[in-house]
Amino acid sequence: MFSSIKVKSVAAACLVLPAALASFSASASGDGQWKGGEHVYQKVCGHCHETNGAIGPVLAGRGLPPAYISTIVRHGFRAMPAFPASFIDDASLQQVGEYIQQLPAPAQE
């Protein structure tokens, strides 16, 4: 069962994230081009996937295939919005998938 706080934070992310990403897409790197998979992950993915599972699932250390990442990113899944090619091109999406695949598992505290 979800706690009230977790539900509220996920709901807030679902409402705020699309607007923030729309405004972010034009200024992500200054020249309109992503600078590799790590850059995309840090600027976009990490906002939800680097929260110890509080918003999005932890992706690091799972060895997820780039093709799986591409499919989820393009089509969305549950609370995650879809990111069209107008936001991230196929080559950059492939790079972020490769970056996520090689991320080591987070250290256990």
PDB file of N, CA and C in Angstrom:
ATOM      1  N   MET A   1       0.835  -1.167   0.000  1.00  0.00           N
ATOM      2  CA  MET A   1       0.000   0.000   0.000  1.00  0.00           C
ATOM      3  C   MET A   1       0.888   1.241   0.000  1.00  0.00           C
ATOM      4  N   PHE A   2       0.543   2.232  -0.787  1.00  0.00           N
ATOM      5  CA  PHE A   2       1.316   3.467  -0.883  1.00  0.00           C
ATOM      6  C   PHE A   2       1.021   4.371   0.297  1.00  0.00           C
ATOM      7  N   SER A   3       2.068   5.025   0.763  1.00  0.00           N
ATOM      8  CA  SER A   3       1.829   6.016   1.804  1.00  0.00           C
ATOM      9  C   SER A   3       1.280   7.282   1.149  1.00  0.00           C
ATOM     10  N   SER A   4       0.594   8.066   1.927  1.00  0.00           N
ATOM     11  CA  SER A   4      -0.001   9.311   1.431  1.00  0.00           C
ATOM     12  C   SER A   4       1.055  10.248   0.876  1.00  0.00           C
ATOM     13  N   ILE A   5       2.209  10.315   1.527  1.00  0.00           N
ATOM     14  CA  ILE A   5       3.289  11.207   1.084  1.00  0.00           C
ATOM     15  C   ILE A   5       3.841  10.738  -0.258  1.00  0.00           C
ATOM     16  N   LYS A   6       4.038   9.434  -0.411  1.00  0.00           N
ATOM     17  CA  LYS A   6       4.575   8.906  -1.666  1.00  0.00           C
ATOM     18  C   LYS A   6       3.597   9.158  -2.814  1.00  0.00           C
ATOM     19  N   VAL A   7       2.329   8.943  -2.582  1.00  0.00           N
ATOM     20  CA  VAL A   7       1.321   9.178  -3.613  1.00  0.00           C
ATOM     21  C   VAL A   7       1.323  10.653  -4.019  1.00  0.00           C
ATOM     22  N   LYS A   8       1.399  11.531  -3.022  1.00  0.00           N
ATOM     23  CA  LYS A   8       1.423  12.964  -3.325  1.00  0.00           C
ATOM     24  C   LYS A   8       2.667  13.350  -4.105  1.00  0.00           C
ATOM     25  N   SER A   9       3.846  12.781  -3.768  1.00  0.00           N
ATOM     26  CA  SER A   9       5.050  13.147  -4.507  1.00  0.00           C
ATOM     27  C   SER A   9       5.019  12.609  -5.933  1.00  0.00           C
ATOM     28  N   VAL A  10       4.487  11.424  -6.129  1.00  0.00           N
ATOM     29  CA  VAL A  10       4.368  10.884  -7.488  1.00  0.00           C
ATOM     30  C   VAL A  10       3.364  11.712  -8.289  1.00  0.00           C
ATOM     31  N   ALA A  11       2.257  12.067  -7.679  1.00  0.00           N
ATOM     32  CA  ALA A  11       1.257  12.891  -8.365  1.00  0.00           C
ATOM     33  C   ALA A  11       1.837  14.248  -8.734  1.00  0.00           C
ATOM     34  N   ALA A  12       2.587  14.848  -7.828  1.00  0.00           N
ATOM     35  CA  ALA A  12       3.214  16.140  -8.125  1.00  0.00           C
ATOM     36  C   ALA A  12       4.203  16.008  -9.265  1.00  0.00           C
ATOM     37  N   ALA A  13       4.991  14.937  -9.267  1.00  0.00           N
ATOM     38  CA  ALA A  13       5.956  14.719 -10.340  1.00  0.00           C
ATOM     39  C   ALA A  13       5.248  14.546 -11.680  1.00  0.00           C
ATOM     40  N   CYS A  14       4.124  13.840 -11.675  1.00  0.00           N
ATOM     41  CA  CYS A  14       3.373  13.620 -12.918  1.00  0.00           C
ATOM     42  C   CYS A  14       2.803  14.924 -13.470  1.00  0.00           C
ATOM     43  N   LEU A  15       2.481  15.848 -12.586  1.00  0.00           N
ATOM     44  CA  LEU A  15       1.922  17.120 -13.030  1.00  0.00           C
ATOM     45  C   LEU A  15       2.999  18.115 -13.430  1.00  0.00           C
ATOM     46  N   VAL A  16       4.085  18.162 -12.695  1.00  0.00           N
ATOM     47  CA  VAL A  16       5.120  19.163 -12.919  1.00  0.00           C
ATOM     48  C   VAL A  16       6.133  18.717 -13.968  1.00  0.00           C
ATOM     49  N   LEU A  17       6.470  17.441 -13.989  1.00  0.00           N
ATOM     50  CA  LEU A  17       7.523  16.948 -14.873  1.00  0.00           C
ATOM     51  C   LEU A  17       7.284  17.249 -16.348  1.00  0.00           C
ATOM     52  N   PRO A  18       6.109  16.986 -16.922  1.00  0.00           N
ATOM     53  CA  PRO A  18       5.938  17.276 -18.350  1.00  0.00           C
ATOM     54  C   PRO A  18       6.159  18.754 -18.695  1.00  0.00           C
ATOM     55  N   ALA A  19       5.681  19.651 -17.867  1.00  0.00           N
ATOM     56  CA  ALA A  19       5.880  21.084 -18.130  1.00  0.00           C
ATOM     57  C   ALA A  19       7.345  21.465 -18.003  1.00  0.00           C
ATOM     58  N   ALA A  20       8.003  20.932 -16.993  1.00  0.00           N
ATOM     59  CA  ALA A  20       9.420  21.234 -16.810  1.00  0.00           C
ATOM     60  C   ALA A  20      10.243  20.691 -17.971  1.00  0.00           C
ATOM     61  N   LEU A  21       9.931  19.480 -18.422  1.00  0.00           N
ATOM     62  CA  LEU A  21      10.683  18.894 -19.533  1.00  0.00           C
ATOM     63  C   LEU A  21      10.441  19.645 -20.835  1.00  0.00           C
ATOM     64  N   ALA A  22       9.242  20.128 -21.037  1.00  0.00           N
ATOM     65  CA  ALA A  22       8.956  20.898 -22.255  1.00  0.00           C
ATOM     66  C   ALA A  22       9.786  22.162 -22.298  1.00  0.00           C
ATOM     67  N   SER A  23       9.909  22.854 -21.182  1.00  0.00           N
ATOM     68  CA  SER A  23      10.707  24.071 -21.168  1.00  0.00           C
ATOM     69  C   SER A  23      12.187  23.746 -21.178  1.00  0.00           C
ATOM     70  N   PHE A  24      12.562  22.600 -20.600  1.00  0.00           N
ATOM     71  CA  PHE A  24      13.954  22.183 -20.524  1.00  0.00           C
ATOM     72  C   PHE A  24      14.495  21.762 -21.886  1.00  0.00           C
ATOM     73  N   SER A  25      13.678  21.180 -22.736  1.00  0.00           N
ATOM     74  CA  SER A  25      14.168  20.601 -23.987  1.00  0.00           C
ATOM     75  C   SER A  25      14.852  21.626 -24.879  1.00  0.00           C
ATOM     76  N   ALA A  26      14.394  22.844 -24.856  1.00  0.00           N
ATOM     77  CA  ALA A  26      14.998  23.866 -25.703  1.00  0.00           C
ATOM     78  C   ALA A  26      16.329  24.360 -25.165  1.00  0.00           C
ATOM     79  N   SER A  27      16.593  24.161 -23.854  1.00  0.00           N
ATOM     80  CA  SER A  27      17.812  24.717 -23.280  1.00  0.00           C
ATOM     81  C   SER A  27      18.712  23.668 -22.646  1.00  0.00           C
ATOM     82  N   ALA A  28      18.498  22.415 -22.946  1.00  0.00           N
ATOM     83  CA  ALA A  28      19.223  21.351 -22.271  1.00  0.00           C
ATOM     84  C   ALA A  28      20.728  21.486 -22.383  1.00  0.00           C
ATOM     85  N   SER A  29      21.244  21.836 -23.521  1.00  0.00           N
ATOM     86  CA  SER A  29      22.690  21.935 -23.653  1.00  0.00           C
ATOM     87  C   SER A  29      23.122  23.217 -24.336  1.00  0.00           C
ATOM     88  N   GLY A  30      22.223  24.109 -24.589  1.00  0.00           N
ATOM     89  CA  GLY A  30      22.586  25.383 -25.186  1.00  0.00           C
ATOM     90  C   GLY A  30      22.576  25.357 -26.704  1.00  0.00           C
ATOM     91  N   ASP A  31      23.043  24.262 -27.310  1.00  0.00           N
ATOM     92  CA  ASP A  31      23.105  24.204 -28.764  1.00  0.00           C
ATOM     93  C   ASP A  31      22.054  23.285 -29.363  1.00  0.00           C
ATOM     94  N   GLY A  32      21.129  22.795 -28.534  1.00  0.00           N
ATOM     95  CA  GLY A  32      20.059  21.944 -29.041  1.00  0.00           C
ATOM     96  C   GLY A  32      20.457  20.495 -29.225  1.00  0.00           C
ATOM     97  N   GLN A  33      21.676  20.105 -28.846  1.00  0.00           N
ATOM     98  CA  GLN A  33      22.138  18.734 -29.015  1.00  0.00           C
ATOM     99  C   GLN A  33      22.493  18.141 -27.655  1.00  0.00           C
ATOM    100  N   TRP A  34      22.134  16.887 -27.459  1.00  0.00           N
ATOM    101  CA  TRP A  34      22.536  16.190 -26.240  1.00  0.00           C
ATOM    102  C   TRP A  34      24.017  15.862 -26.354  1.00  0.00           C
ATOM    103  N   LYS A  35      24.667  15.778 -25.243  1.00  0.00           N
ATOM    104  CA  LYS A  35      26.107  15.517 -25.224  1.00  0.00           C
ATOM    105  C   LYS A  35      26.409  14.121 -24.690  1.00  0.00           C
ATOM    106  N   GLY A  36      25.703  13.132 -25.168  1.00  0.00           N
ATOM    107  CA  GLY A  36      25.961  11.755 -24.782  1.00  0.00           C
ATOM    108  C   GLY A  36      24.984  11.227 -23.744  1.00  0.00           C
ATOM    109  N   GLY A  37      25.055   9.922 -23.526  1.00  0.00           N
ATOM    110  CA  GLY A  37      24.141   9.238 -22.638  1.00  0.00           C
ATOM    111  C   GLY A  37      24.215   9.696 -21.199  1.00  0.00           C
ATOM    112  N   GLU A  38      25.414   9.933 -20.702  1.00  0.00           N
ATOM    113  CA  GLU A  38      25.549  10.386 -19.321  1.00  0.00           C
ATOM    114  C   GLU A  38      24.895  11.756 -19.131  1.00  0.00           C
ATOM    115  N   HIS A  39      25.059  12.645 -20.113  1.00  0.00           N
ATOM    116  CA  HIS A  39      24.463  13.985 -20.050  1.00  0.00           C
ATOM    117  C   HIS A  39      22.940  13.895 -19.993  1.00  0.00           C
ATOM    118  N   VAL A  40      22.348  13.082 -20.842  1.00  0.00           N
ATOM    119  CA  VAL A  40      20.891  12.913 -20.846  1.00  0.00           C
ATOM    120  C   VAL A  40      20.435  12.361 -19.501  1.00  0.00           C
ATOM    121  N   TYR A  41      21.129  11.346 -19.014  1.00  0.00           N
ATOM    122  CA  TYR A  41      20.753  10.730 -17.744  1.00  0.00           C
ATOM    123  C   TYR A  41      20.796  11.753 -16.617  1.00  0.00           C
ATOM    124  N   GLN A  42      21.867  12.520 -16.538  1.00  0.00           N
ATOM    125  CA  GLN A  42      22.003  13.511 -15.470  1.00  0.00           C
ATOM    126  C   GLN A  42      20.960  14.618 -15.578  1.00  0.00           C
ATOM    127  N   LYS A  43      20.699  15.087 -16.779  1.00  0.00           N
ATOM    128  CA  LYS A  43      19.797  16.224 -16.973  1.00  0.00           C
ATOM    129  C   LYS A  43      18.320  15.855 -16.960  1.00  0.00           C
ATOM    130  N   VAL A  44      17.982  14.626 -17.315  1.00  0.00           N
ATOM    131  CA  VAL A  44      16.572  14.247 -17.426  1.00  0.00           C
ATOM    132  C   VAL A  44      16.226  13.053 -16.528  1.00  0.00           C
ATOM    133  N   CYS A  45      16.848  11.939 -16.754  1.00  0.00           N
ATOM    134  CA  CYS A  45      16.465  10.695 -16.086  1.00  0.00           C
ATOM    135  C   CYS A  45      16.704  10.716 -14.578  1.00  0.00           C
ATOM    136  N   GLY A  46      17.835  11.280 -14.180  1.00  0.00           N
ATOM    137  CA  GLY A  46      18.219  11.253 -12.777  1.00  0.00           C
ATOM    138  C   GLY A  46      17.245  11.935 -11.839  1.00  0.00           C
ATOM    139  N   HIS A  47      16.463  12.878 -12.351  1.00  0.00           N
ATOM    140  CA  HIS A  47      15.500  13.575 -11.493  1.00  0.00           C
ATOM    141  C   HIS A  47      14.503  12.609 -10.854  1.00  0.00           C
ATOM    142  N   CYS A  48      14.203  11.529 -11.542  1.00  0.00           N
ATOM    143  CA  CYS A  48      13.266  10.541 -10.992  1.00  0.00           C
ATOM    144  C   CYS A  48      13.953   9.235 -10.598  1.00  0.00           C
ATOM    145  N   HIS A  49      14.995   8.862 -11.327  1.00  0.00           N
ATOM    146  CA  HIS A  49      15.609   7.550 -11.121  1.00  0.00           C
ATOM    147  C   HIS A  49      16.790   7.562 -10.170  1.00  0.00           C
ATOM    148  N   GLU A  50      17.131   8.703  -9.621  1.00  0.00           N
ATOM    149  CA  GLU A  50      18.198   8.795  -8.619  1.00  0.00           C
ATOM    150  C   GLU A  50      17.613   9.214  -7.275  1.00  0.00           C
ATOM    151  N   THR A  51      16.434   8.748  -6.961  1.00  0.00           N
ATOM    152  CA  THR A  51      15.744   9.117  -5.725  1.00  0.00           C
ATOM    153  C   THR A  51      15.546   7.902  -4.820  1.00  0.00           C
ATOM    154  N   ASN A  52      16.392   6.883  -4.980  1.00  0.00           N
ATOM    155  CA  ASN A  52      16.288   5.647  -4.191  1.00  0.00           C
ATOM    156  C   ASN A  52      14.902   5.019  -4.281  1.00  0.00           C
ATOM    157  N   GLY A  53      14.283   5.143  -5.436  1.00  0.00           N
ATOM    158  CA  GLY A  53      12.980   4.529  -5.665  1.00  0.00           C
ATOM    159  C   GLY A  53      11.799   5.343  -5.176  1.00  0.00           C
ATOM    160  N   ALA A  54      12.035   6.561  -4.684  1.00  0.00           N
ATOM    161  CA  ALA A  54      10.935   7.381  -4.174  1.00  0.00           C
ATOM    162  C   ALA A  54      10.018   7.861  -5.289  1.00  0.00           C
ATOM    163  N   ILE A  55      10.561   8.062  -6.488  1.00  0.00           N
ATOM    164  CA  ILE A  55       9.732   8.496  -7.617  1.00  0.00           C
ATOM    165  C   ILE A  55       9.748   7.416  -8.683  1.00  0.00           C
ATOM    166  N   GLY A  56      10.889   7.231  -9.351  1.00  0.00           N
ATOM    167  CA  GLY A  56      11.016   6.192 -10.370  1.00  0.00           C
ATOM    168  C   GLY A  56      11.898   5.074  -9.854  1.00  0.00           C
ATOM    169  N   PRO A  57      11.830   3.908 -10.484  1.00  0.00           N
ATOM    170  CA  PRO A  57      12.654   2.795 -10.015  1.00  0.00           C
ATOM    171  C   PRO A  57      14.143   3.067 -10.239  1.00  0.00           C
ATOM    172  N   VAL A  58      14.962   2.467  -9.390  1.00  0.00           N
ATOM    173  CA  VAL A  58      16.413   2.552  -9.547  1.00  0.00           C
ATOM    174  C   VAL A  58      16.787   1.749 -10.793  1.00  0.00           C
ATOM    175  N   LEU A  59      17.536   2.365 -11.693  1.00  0.00           N
ATOM    176  CA  LEU A  59      17.945   1.703 -12.925  1.00  0.00           C
ATOM    177  C   LEU A  59      19.376   1.161 -12.843  1.00  0.00           C
ATOM    178  N   ALA A  60      20.185   1.771 -12.009  1.00  0.00           N
ATOM    179  CA  ALA A  60      21.598   1.403 -11.890  1.00  0.00           C
ATOM    180  C   ALA A  60      21.752  -0.027 -11.395  1.00  0.00           C
ATOM    181  N   GLY A  61      22.696  -0.735 -12.008  1.00  0.00           N
ATOM    182  CA  GLY A  61      23.017  -2.083 -11.576  1.00  0.00           C
ATOM    183  C   GLY A  61      22.087  -3.166 -12.076  1.00  0.00           C
ATOM    184  N   ARG A  62      21.135  -2.813 -12.895  1.00  0.00           N
ATOM    185  CA  ARG A  62      20.166  -3.810 -13.376  1.00  0.00           C
ATOM    186  C   ARG A  62      20.542  -4.390 -14.730  1.00  0.00           C
ATOM    187  N   GLY A  63      21.493  -3.768 -15.426  1.00  0.00           N
ATOM    188  CA  GLY A  63      21.921  -4.278 -16.725  1.00  0.00           C
ATOM    189  C   GLY A  63      20.823  -4.286 -17.770  1.00  0.00           C
ATOM    190  N   LEU A  64      19.924  -3.313 -17.706  1.00  0.00           N
ATOM    191  CA  LEU A  64      18.809  -3.262 -18.654  1.00  0.00           C
ATOM    192  C   LEU A  64      19.313  -3.038 -20.075  1.00  0.00           C
ATOM    193  N   PRO A  65      18.817  -3.794 -21.040  1.00  0.00           N
ATOM    194  CA  PRO A  65      19.261  -3.639 -22.431  1.00  0.00           C
ATOM    195  C   PRO A  65      18.845  -2.276 -23.001  1.00  0.00           C
ATOM    196  N   PRO A  66      19.712  -1.661 -23.809  1.00  0.00           N
ATOM    197  CA  PRO A  66      19.376  -0.377 -24.431  1.00  0.00           C
ATOM    198  C   PRO A  66      18.061  -0.406 -25.207  1.00  0.00           C
ATOM    199  N   ALA A  67      17.737  -1.509 -25.857  1.00  0.00           N
ATOM    200  CA  ALA A  67      16.478  -1.601 -26.614  1.00  0.00           C
ATOM    201  C   ALA A  67      15.271  -1.502 -25.672  1.00  0.00           C
ATOM    202  N   TYR A  68      15.378  -2.082 -24.495  1.00  0.00           N
ATOM    203  CA  TYR A  68      14.303  -1.995 -23.500  1.00  0.00           C
ATOM    204  C   TYR A  68      14.147  -0.546 -23.038  1.00  0.00           C
ATOM    205  N   ILE A  69      15.257   0.104 -22.727  1.00  0.00           N
ATOM    206  CA  ILE A  69      15.238   1.508 -22.302  1.00  0.00           C
ATOM    207  C   ILE A  69      14.583   2.360 -23.385  1.00  0.00           C
ATOM    208  N   SER A  70      14.981   2.151 -24.640  1.00  0.00           N
ATOM    209  CA  SER A  70      14.424   2.926 -25.757  1.00  0.00           C
ATOM    210  C   SER A  70      12.917   2.760 -25.861  1.00  0.00           C
ATOM    211  N   THR A  71      12.439   1.553 -25.718  1.00  0.00           N
ATOM    212  CA  THR A  71      11.007   1.294 -25.818  1.00  0.00           C
ATOM    213  C   THR A  71      10.240   1.999 -24.705  1.00  0.00           C
ATOM    214  N   ILE A  72      10.732   1.888 -23.482  1.00  0.00           N
ATOM    215  CA  ILE A  72      10.054   2.532 -22.352  1.00  0.00           C
ATOM    216  C   ILE A  72      10.082   4.051 -22.510  1.00  0.00           C
ATOM    217  N   VAL A  73      11.231   4.595 -22.907  1.00  0.00           N
ATOM    218  CA  VAL A  73      11.349   6.048 -23.064  1.00  0.00           C
ATOM    219  C   VAL A  73      10.419   6.556 -24.167  1.00  0.00           C
ATOM    220  N   ARG A  74      10.362   5.879 -25.275  1.00  0.00           N
ATOM    221  CA  ARG A  74       9.530   6.327 -26.393  1.00  0.00           C
ATOM    222  C   ARG A  74       8.033   6.237 -26.101  1.00  0.00           C
ATOM    223  N   HIS A  75       7.620   5.184 -25.405  1.00  0.00           N
ATOM    224  CA  HIS A  75       6.189   4.922 -25.216  1.00  0.00           C
ATOM    225  C   HIS A  75       5.680   5.247 -23.820  1.00  0.00           C
ATOM    226  N   GLY A  76       6.593   5.458 -22.877  1.00  0.00           N
ATOM    227  CA  GLY A  76       6.191   5.701 -21.500  1.00  0.00           C
ATOM    228  C   GLY A  76       5.753   4.406 -20.838  1.00  0.00           C
ATOM    229  N   PHE A  77       5.622   4.454 -19.526  1.00  0.00           N
ATOM    230  CA  PHE A  77       5.196   3.266 -18.782  1.00  0.00           C
ATOM    231  C   PHE A  77       4.744   3.712 -17.402  1.00  0.00           C
ATOM    232  N   ARG A  78       3.525   3.415 -17.063  1.00  0.00           N
ATOM    233  CA  ARG A  78       2.911   3.812 -15.799  1.00  0.00           C
ATOM    234  C   ARG A  78       3.038   5.324 -15.620  1.00  0.00           C
ATOM    235  N   ALA A  79       3.723   5.792 -14.585  1.00  0.00           N
ATOM    236  CA  ALA A  79       3.825   7.238 -14.322  1.00  0.00           C
ATOM    237  C   ALA A  79       4.868   7.927 -15.195  1.00  0.00           C
ATOM    238  N   MET A  80       5.703   7.155 -15.892  1.00  0.00           N
ATOM    239  CA  MET A  80       6.732   7.762 -16.727  1.00  0.00           C
ATOM    240  C   MET A  80       6.131   8.225 -18.043  1.00  0.00           C
ATOM    241  N   PRO A  81       6.370   9.498 -18.380  1.00  0.00           N
ATOM    242  CA  PRO A  81       5.840  10.000 -19.651  1.00  0.00           C
ATOM    243  C   PRO A  81       6.656   9.477 -20.833  1.00  0.00           C
ATOM    244  N   ALA A  82       6.065   9.495 -22.006  1.00  0.00           N
ATOM    245  CA  ALA A  82       6.776   9.153 -23.235  1.00  0.00           C
ATOM    246  C   ALA A  82       7.595  10.354 -23.673  1.00  0.00           C
ATOM    247  N   PHE A  83       8.762  10.097 -24.236  1.00  0.00           N
ATOM    248  CA  PHE A  83       9.628  11.142 -24.761  1.00  0.00           C
ATOM    249  C   PHE A  83       9.756  10.944 -26.272  1.00  0.00           C
ATOM    250  N   PRO A  84       9.126  11.797 -27.067  1.00  0.00           N
ATOM    251  CA  PRO A  84       9.162  11.637 -28.526  1.00  0.00           C
ATOM    252  C   PRO A  84      10.528  11.996 -29.112  1.00  0.00           C
ATOM    253  N   ALA A  85      10.706  11.655 -30.379  1.00  0.00           N
ATOM    254  CA  ALA A  85      11.960  11.954 -31.080  1.00  0.00           C
ATOM    255  C   ALA A  85      12.221  13.451 -31.154  1.00  0.00           C
ATOM    256  N   SER A  86      11.188  14.264 -31.023  1.00  0.00           N
ATOM    257  CA  SER A  86      11.402  15.715 -31.023  1.00  0.00           C
ATOM    258  C   SER A  86      12.091  16.178 -29.740  1.00  0.00           C
ATOM    259  N   PHE A  87      12.060  15.353 -28.688  1.00  0.00           N
ATOM    260  CA  PHE A  87      12.742  15.685 -27.444  1.00  0.00           C
ATOM    261  C   PHE A  87      14.134  15.070 -27.405  1.00  0.00           C
ATOM    262  N   ILE A  88      14.245  13.772 -27.735  1.00  0.00           N
ATOM    263  CA  ILE A  88      15.529  13.082 -27.756  1.00  0.00           C
ATOM    264  C   ILE A  88      15.602  12.226 -29.012  1.00  0.00           C
ATOM    265  N   ASP A  89      16.637  12.458 -29.804  1.00  0.00           N
ATOM    266  CA  ASP A  89      16.782  11.724 -31.064  1.00  0.00           C
ATOM    267  C   ASP A  89      17.191  10.281 -30.788  1.00  0.00           C
ATOM    268  N   ASP A  90      17.048   9.425 -31.796  1.00  0.00           N
ATOM    269  CA  ASP A  90      17.318   7.996 -31.640  1.00  0.00           C
ATOM    270  C   ASP A  90      18.761   7.708 -31.230  1.00  0.00           C
ATOM    271  N   ALA A  91      19.726   8.433 -31.806  1.00  0.00           N
ATOM    272  CA  ALA A  91      21.134   8.197 -31.472  1.00  0.00           C
ATOM    273  C   ALA A  91      21.410   8.530 -30.008  1.00  0.00           C
ATOM    274  N   SER A  92      20.877   9.634 -29.535  1.00  0.00           N
ATOM    275  CA  SER A  92      21.066  10.009 -28.128  1.00  0.00           C
ATOM    276  C   SER A  92      20.350   9.041 -27.201  1.00  0.00           C
ATOM    277  N   LEU A  93      19.194   8.576 -27.614  1.00  0.00           N
ATOM    278  CA  LEU A  93      18.449   7.599 -26.820  1.00  0.00           C
ATOM    279  C   LEU A  93      19.233   6.292 -26.720  1.00  0.00           C
ATOM    280  N   GLN A  94      19.859   5.873 -27.792  1.00  0.00           N
ATOM    281  CA  GLN A  94      20.703   4.673 -27.773  1.00  0.00           C
ATOM    282  C   GLN A  94      21.863   4.873 -26.786  1.00  0.00           C
ATOM    283  N   GLN A  95      22.461   6.052 -26.810  1.00  0.00           N
ATOM    284  CA  GLN A  95      23.577   6.340 -25.904  1.00  0.00           C
ATOM    285  C   GLN A  95      23.139   6.309 -24.440  1.00  0.00           C
ATOM    286  N   VAL A  96      21.983   6.864 -24.137  1.00  0.00           N
ATOM    287  CA  VAL A  96      21.514   6.836 -22.744  1.00  0.00           C
ATOM    288  C   VAL A  96      21.195   5.405 -22.326  1.00  0.00           C
ATOM    289  N   GLY A  97      20.665   4.605 -23.240  1.00  0.00           N
ATOM    290  CA  GLY A  97      20.408   3.190 -22.937  1.00  0.00           C
ATOM    291  C   GLY A  97      21.691   2.441 -22.634  1.00  0.00           C
ATOM    292  N   GLU A  98      22.734   2.710 -23.402  1.00  0.00           N
ATOM    293  CA  GLU A  98      24.034   2.078 -23.164  1.00  0.00           C
ATOM    294  C   GLU A  98      24.630   2.550 -21.841  1.00  0.00           C
ATOM    295  N   TYR A  99      24.457   3.824 -21.532  1.00  0.00           N
ATOM    296  CA  TYR A  99      24.956   4.361 -20.268  1.00  0.00           C
ATOM    297  C   TYR A  99      24.241   3.697 -19.084  1.00  0.00           C
ATOM    298  N   ILE A 100      22.924   3.600 -19.152  1.00  0.00           N
ATOM    299  CA  ILE A 100      22.149   2.982 -18.069  1.00  0.00           C
ATOM    300  C   ILE A 100      22.529   1.514 -17.906  1.00  0.00           C
ATOM    301  N   GLN A 101      22.746   0.823 -19.012  1.00  0.00           N
ATOM    302  CA  GLN A 101      23.086  -0.594 -18.954  1.00  0.00           C
ATOM    303  C   GLN A 101      24.382  -0.828 -18.172  1.00  0.00           C
ATOM    304  N   GLN A 102      25.335   0.085 -18.286  1.00  0.00           N
ATOM    305  CA  GLN A 102      26.623  -0.132 -17.629  1.00  0.00           C
ATOM    306  C   GLN A 102      26.729   0.504 -16.240  1.00  0.00           C
ATOM    307  N   LEU A 103      25.678   1.169 -15.766  1.00  0.00           N
ATOM    308  CA  LEU A 103      25.739   1.769 -14.433  1.00  0.00           C
ATOM    309  C   LEU A 103      25.904   0.683 -13.361  1.00  0.00           C
ATOM    310  N   PRO A 104      26.840   0.896 -12.432  1.00  0.00           N
ATOM    311  CA  PRO A 104      26.989  -0.076 -11.349  1.00  0.00           C
ATOM    312  C   PRO A 104      25.848   0.047 -10.339  1.00  0.00           C
ATOM    313  N   ALA A 105      25.607  -1.016  -9.618  1.00  0.00           N
ATOM    314  CA  ALA A 105      24.574  -1.001  -8.587  1.00  0.00           C
ATOM    315  C   ALA A 105      24.931   0.023  -7.508  1.00  0.00           C
ATOM    316  N   PRO A 106      23.936   0.703  -6.972  1.00  0.00           N
ATOM    317  CA  PRO A 106      24.221   1.667  -5.902  1.00  0.00           C
ATOM    318  C   PRO A 106      24.772   0.959  -4.668  1.00  0.00           C
ATOM    319  N   ALA A 107      25.609   1.663  -3.944  1.00  0.00           N
ATOM    320  CA  ALA A 107      26.181   1.110  -2.717  1.00  0.00           C
ATOM    321  C   ALA A 107      25.090   0.913  -1.674  1.00  0.00           C
ATOM    322  N   GLN A 108      25.154  -0.166  -0.973  1.00  0.00           N
ATOM    323  CA  GLN A 108      24.187  -0.457   0.095  1.00  0.00           C
ATOM    324  C   GLN A 108      24.592   0.323   1.342  1.00  0.00           C
ATOM    325  N   GLU A 109      23.639   0.962   1.963  1.00  0.00           N
ATOM    326  CA  GLU A 109      23.936   1.745   3.174  1.00  0.00           C
ATOM    327  C   GLU A 109      23.665   0.958   4.420  1.00  0.00           C
TER     328      GLU A 109
END
